[in-house]
Amino acid sequence: MRDILALKDLLRLTSDTNRLRILCLLTKKERCVCEIFEALQLPQNLVSHHLSKLKSLSLVEERREGTFIIYRVNKKAIDRYRRLFDRVIKDQKI
């Protein structure tokens, strides 16, 4: 049941179109907020909000570069959630 709840949280978080677009953008290369909101044509505060949500499940990591914060996909977390998805879908007895 714990796995199902964790997967539910992931699916709920990534079901938002803008969050999914941000993840897709960050899989190509790491970027700062200004690059993300320009590329996706979204307000900066909305991008920051979505990044915060993505960080809450460790899907996105950040690092400081001078005055900029650079965001990237956390590949280890993505792999962990991929394995969780497989485990729940393949092995779960309901």
N, C-alpha and C. Protein backbone atom coordinates (compact mmCIF):
# COMPACT_ATOMS: atom_id res chain seq x y z
N MET A 1 0.82 -1.20 0.00
CA MET A 1 0.00 0.00 0.00
C MET A 1 0.86 1.27 0.00
N ARG A 2 2.00 1.21 0.70
CA ARG A 2 2.90 2.37 0.75
C ARG A 2 3.40 2.73 -0.65
N ASP A 3 3.71 1.71 -1.45
CA ASP A 3 4.16 1.96 -2.82
C ASP A 3 3.06 2.61 -3.66
N ILE A 4 1.84 2.16 -3.48
CA ILE A 4 0.73 2.74 -4.24
C ILE A 4 0.55 4.21 -3.88
N LEU A 5 0.66 4.55 -2.61
CA LEU A 5 0.52 5.94 -2.18
C LEU A 5 1.65 6.81 -2.72
N ALA A 6 2.87 6.28 -2.72
CA ALA A 6 4.01 7.03 -3.26
C ALA A 6 3.83 7.25 -4.76
N LEU A 7 3.36 6.23 -5.46
CA LEU A 7 3.13 6.36 -6.89
C LEU A 7 2.00 7.35 -7.17
N LYS A 8 0.98 7.33 -6.33
CA LYS A 8 -0.13 8.29 -6.47
C LYS A 8 0.39 9.72 -6.37
N ASP A 9 1.28 9.97 -5.42
CA ASP A 9 1.85 11.31 -5.25
C ASP A 9 2.62 11.73 -6.50
N LEU A 10 3.41 10.81 -7.03
CA LEU A 10 4.18 11.10 -8.24
C LEU A 10 3.25 11.41 -9.41
N LEU A 11 2.26 10.58 -9.61
CA LEU A 11 1.35 10.76 -10.75
C LEU A 11 0.54 12.04 -10.61
N ARG A 12 0.12 12.35 -9.41
CA ARG A 12 -0.63 13.58 -9.18
C ARG A 12 0.25 14.80 -9.49
N LEU A 13 1.47 14.76 -9.03
CA LEU A 13 2.38 15.88 -9.24
C LEU A 13 2.72 16.06 -10.71
N THR A 14 2.99 14.98 -11.41
CA THR A 14 3.41 15.08 -12.81
C THR A 14 2.24 15.13 -13.79
N SER A 15 1.02 15.03 -13.30
CA SER A 15 -0.12 15.13 -14.20
C SER A 15 -0.38 16.57 -14.64
N ASP A 16 0.23 17.52 -13.96
CA ASP A 16 0.11 18.91 -14.36
C ASP A 16 0.94 19.14 -15.62
N THR A 17 0.33 19.68 -16.64
CA THR A 17 0.98 19.86 -17.94
C THR A 17 2.25 20.70 -17.83
N ASN A 18 2.19 21.77 -17.07
CA ASN A 18 3.38 22.64 -16.96
C ASN A 18 4.52 21.95 -16.24
N ARG A 19 4.22 21.18 -15.22
CA ARG A 19 5.29 20.45 -14.51
C ARG A 19 5.92 19.41 -15.41
N LEU A 20 5.10 18.74 -16.18
CA LEU A 20 5.62 17.75 -17.11
C LEU A 20 6.47 18.43 -18.19
N ARG A 21 6.04 19.57 -18.66
CA ARG A 21 6.83 20.33 -19.65
C ARG A 21 8.17 20.75 -19.06
N ILE A 22 8.17 21.17 -17.80
CA ILE A 22 9.43 21.57 -17.15
C ILE A 22 10.36 20.37 -17.04
N LEU A 23 9.83 19.23 -16.63
CA LEU A 23 10.66 18.03 -16.54
C LEU A 23 11.25 17.66 -17.89
N CYS A 24 10.43 17.70 -18.92
CA CYS A 24 10.91 17.38 -20.28
C CYS A 24 12.01 18.35 -20.71
N LEU A 25 11.83 19.62 -20.43
CA LEU A 25 12.83 20.62 -20.78
C LEU A 25 14.13 20.37 -20.04
N LEU A 26 14.04 20.04 -18.76
CA LEU A 26 15.24 19.83 -17.95
C LEU A 26 15.94 18.52 -18.25
N THR A 27 15.28 17.59 -18.90
CA THR A 27 15.98 16.34 -19.27
C THR A 27 16.99 16.61 -20.38
N LYS A 28 16.76 17.67 -21.15
CA LYS A 28 17.67 18.00 -22.24
C LYS A 28 18.95 18.68 -21.74
N LYS A 29 18.78 19.61 -20.79
CA LYS A 29 19.94 20.27 -20.17
C LYS A 29 19.48 21.05 -18.95
N GLU A 30 20.41 21.34 -18.06
CA GLU A 30 20.05 22.12 -16.88
C GLU A 30 19.87 23.58 -17.27
N ARG A 31 19.00 24.27 -16.51
CA ARG A 31 18.64 25.65 -16.85
C ARG A 31 18.29 26.44 -15.60
N CYS A 32 18.38 27.75 -15.73
CA CYS A 32 17.91 28.63 -14.66
C CYS A 32 16.44 28.96 -14.91
N VAL A 33 15.78 29.54 -13.92
CA VAL A 33 14.36 29.86 -14.03
C VAL A 33 14.08 30.74 -15.24
N CYS A 34 14.95 31.72 -15.47
CA CYS A 34 14.70 32.64 -16.59
C CYS A 34 14.69 31.91 -17.93
N GLU A 35 15.52 30.90 -18.09
CA GLU A 35 15.52 30.10 -19.33
C GLU A 35 14.26 29.25 -19.43
N ILE A 36 13.80 28.75 -18.29
CA ILE A 36 12.62 27.88 -18.30
C ILE A 36 11.38 28.69 -18.64
N PHE A 37 11.17 29.81 -17.97
CA PHE A 37 9.93 30.55 -18.25
C PHE A 37 9.93 31.15 -19.65
N GLU A 38 11.10 31.51 -20.17
CA GLU A 38 11.15 32.00 -21.55
C GLU A 38 10.84 30.89 -22.55
N ALA A 39 11.42 29.73 -22.34
CA ALA A 39 11.21 28.60 -23.26
C ALA A 39 9.76 28.13 -23.26
N LEU A 40 9.14 28.15 -22.10
CA LEU A 40 7.77 27.62 -21.99
C LEU A 40 6.69 28.70 -22.05
N GLN A 41 7.12 29.97 -22.14
CA GLN A 41 6.16 31.07 -22.22
C GLN A 41 5.21 31.08 -21.02
N LEU A 42 5.79 30.95 -19.83
CA LEU A 42 5.03 30.96 -18.58
C LEU A 42 5.54 32.07 -17.69
N PRO A 43 4.71 32.59 -16.79
CA PRO A 43 5.18 33.59 -15.83
C PRO A 43 6.25 33.00 -14.90
N GLN A 44 7.20 33.84 -14.53
CA GLN A 44 8.31 33.39 -13.69
C GLN A 44 7.84 32.82 -12.36
N ASN A 45 6.86 33.48 -11.74
CA ASN A 45 6.39 32.99 -10.43
C ASN A 45 5.71 31.63 -10.55
N LEU A 46 5.05 31.35 -11.67
CA LEU A 46 4.42 30.05 -11.88
C LEU A 46 5.49 28.96 -12.05
N VAL A 47 6.53 29.27 -12.80
CA VAL A 47 7.63 28.31 -12.98
C VAL A 47 8.28 28.02 -11.64
N SER A 48 8.52 29.04 -10.84
CA SER A 48 9.12 28.85 -9.51
C SER A 48 8.23 27.96 -8.64
N HIS A 49 6.93 28.19 -8.69
CA HIS A 49 5.99 27.36 -7.93
C HIS A 49 6.08 25.90 -8.37
N HIS A 50 6.07 25.66 -9.67
CA HIS A 50 6.14 24.28 -10.17
C HIS A 50 7.48 23.63 -9.83
N LEU A 51 8.55 24.37 -9.90
CA LEU A 51 9.86 23.83 -9.53
C LEU A 51 9.87 23.42 -8.07
N SER A 52 9.24 24.21 -7.23
CA SER A 52 9.15 23.89 -5.81
C SER A 52 8.41 22.57 -5.60
N LYS A 53 7.32 22.39 -6.32
CA LYS A 53 6.56 21.13 -6.22
C LYS A 53 7.40 19.96 -6.71
N LEU A 54 8.10 20.13 -7.82
CA LEU A 54 8.94 19.06 -8.35
C LEU A 54 10.08 18.72 -7.38
N LYS A 55 10.62 19.73 -6.71
CA LYS A 55 11.67 19.49 -5.72
C LYS A 55 11.12 18.74 -4.51
N SER A 56 9.85 18.91 -4.21
CA SER A 56 9.28 18.26 -3.03
C SER A 56 9.33 16.74 -3.14
N LEU A 57 9.34 16.20 -4.35
CA LEU A 57 9.49 14.75 -4.56
C LEU A 57 10.89 14.42 -5.08
N SER A 58 11.80 15.37 -4.99
CA SER A 58 13.19 15.21 -5.41
C SER A 58 13.34 14.92 -6.90
N LEU A 59 12.36 15.29 -7.71
CA LEU A 59 12.46 15.09 -9.15
C LEU A 59 13.42 16.08 -9.79
N VAL A 60 13.62 17.22 -9.12
CA VAL A 60 14.49 18.28 -9.62
C VAL A 60 15.48 18.65 -8.52
N GLU A 61 16.71 18.88 -8.94
CA GLU A 61 17.76 19.34 -8.03
C GLU A 61 18.19 20.73 -8.46
N GLU A 62 18.85 21.43 -7.54
CA GLU A 62 19.33 22.77 -7.86
C GLU A 62 20.76 22.94 -7.38
N ARG A 63 21.44 23.86 -8.04
CA ARG A 63 22.77 24.26 -7.61
C ARG A 63 22.92 25.75 -7.87
N ARG A 64 23.72 26.39 -7.07
CA ARG A 64 23.92 27.84 -7.21
C ARG A 64 25.13 28.09 -8.10
N GLU A 65 24.96 29.03 -9.01
CA GLU A 65 26.05 29.47 -9.89
C GLU A 65 26.05 30.99 -9.87
N GLY A 66 26.87 31.55 -9.00
CA GLY A 66 26.84 33.00 -8.79
C GLY A 66 25.52 33.40 -8.17
N THR A 67 24.78 34.30 -8.84
CA THR A 67 23.48 34.72 -8.33
C THR A 67 22.34 33.87 -8.89
N PHE A 68 22.66 32.95 -9.79
CA PHE A 68 21.64 32.12 -10.42
C PHE A 68 21.51 30.77 -9.71
N ILE A 69 20.30 30.25 -9.72
CA ILE A 69 20.07 28.87 -9.29
C ILE A 69 19.78 28.07 -10.55
N ILE A 70 20.55 27.03 -10.73
CA ILE A 70 20.44 26.19 -11.93
C ILE A 70 19.72 24.90 -11.53
N TYR A 71 18.72 24.54 -12.33
CA TYR A 71 17.90 23.35 -12.05
C TYR A 71 18.22 22.25 -13.04
N ARG A 72 18.14 21.01 -12.54
CA ARG A 72 18.34 19.84 -13.40
C ARG A 72 17.46 18.71 -12.89
N VAL A 73 17.20 17.76 -13.76
CA VAL A 73 16.43 16.58 -13.37
C VAL A 73 17.30 15.71 -12.48
N ASN A 74 16.73 15.15 -11.44
CA ASN A 74 17.41 14.22 -10.57
C ASN A 74 17.22 12.83 -11.16
N LYS A 75 18.21 12.38 -11.92
CA LYS A 75 18.10 11.10 -12.63
C LYS A 75 17.94 9.92 -11.69
N LYS A 76 18.55 9.98 -10.52
CA LYS A 76 18.41 8.89 -9.55
C LYS A 76 16.97 8.78 -9.07
N ALA A 77 16.34 9.92 -8.81
CA ALA A 77 14.94 9.91 -8.37
C ALA A 77 14.03 9.42 -9.48
N ILE A 78 14.29 9.85 -10.71
CA ILE A 78 13.49 9.38 -11.84
C ILE A 78 13.60 7.87 -11.97
N ASP A 79 14.80 7.34 -11.85
CA ASP A 79 14.99 5.88 -11.92
C ASP A 79 14.28 5.18 -10.77
N ARG A 80 14.34 5.77 -9.59
CA ARG A 80 13.68 5.18 -8.42
C ARG A 80 12.16 5.14 -8.64
N TYR A 81 11.60 6.22 -9.17
CA TYR A 81 10.16 6.24 -9.44
C TYR A 81 9.79 5.30 -10.59
N ARG A 82 10.67 5.15 -11.56
CA ARG A 82 10.42 4.21 -12.65
C ARG A 82 10.34 2.78 -12.11
N ARG A 83 11.25 2.45 -11.22
CA ARG A 83 11.23 1.11 -10.60
C ARG A 83 9.98 0.94 -9.73
N LEU A 84 9.61 1.99 -9.02
CA LEU A 84 8.40 1.95 -8.20
C LEU A 84 7.18 1.70 -9.08
N PHE A 85 7.09 2.41 -10.19
CA PHE A 85 5.97 2.24 -11.11
C PHE A 85 5.92 0.79 -11.60
N ASP A 86 7.05 0.26 -12.02
CA ASP A 86 7.10 -1.13 -12.48
C ASP A 86 6.67 -2.10 -11.39
N ARG A 87 7.16 -1.85 -10.18
CA ARG A 87 6.84 -2.74 -9.07
C ARG A 87 5.34 -2.72 -8.77
N VAL A 88 4.76 -1.55 -8.74
CA VAL A 88 3.34 -1.45 -8.43
C VAL A 88 2.50 -2.08 -9.53
N ILE A 89 2.80 -1.76 -10.77
CA ILE A 89 2.01 -2.26 -11.89
C ILE A 89 2.17 -3.77 -12.07
N LYS A 90 3.37 -4.28 -11.92
CA LYS A 90 3.62 -5.70 -12.18
C LYS A 90 3.34 -6.60 -10.99
N ASP A 91 3.65 -6.14 -9.80
CA ASP A 91 3.68 -7.04 -8.65
C ASP A 91 2.57 -6.83 -7.65
N GLN A 92 1.85 -5.76 -7.73
CA GLN A 92 0.88 -5.42 -6.70
C GLN A 92 -0.32 -6.37 -6.71
N LYS A 93 -0.61 -6.90 -5.56
CA LYS A 93 -1.81 -7.72 -5.37
C LYS A 93 -2.84 -6.85 -4.68
N ILE A 94 -3.93 -6.63 -5.35
CA ILE A 94 -4.97 -5.76 -4.79
C ILE A 94 -6.10 -6.58 -4.21
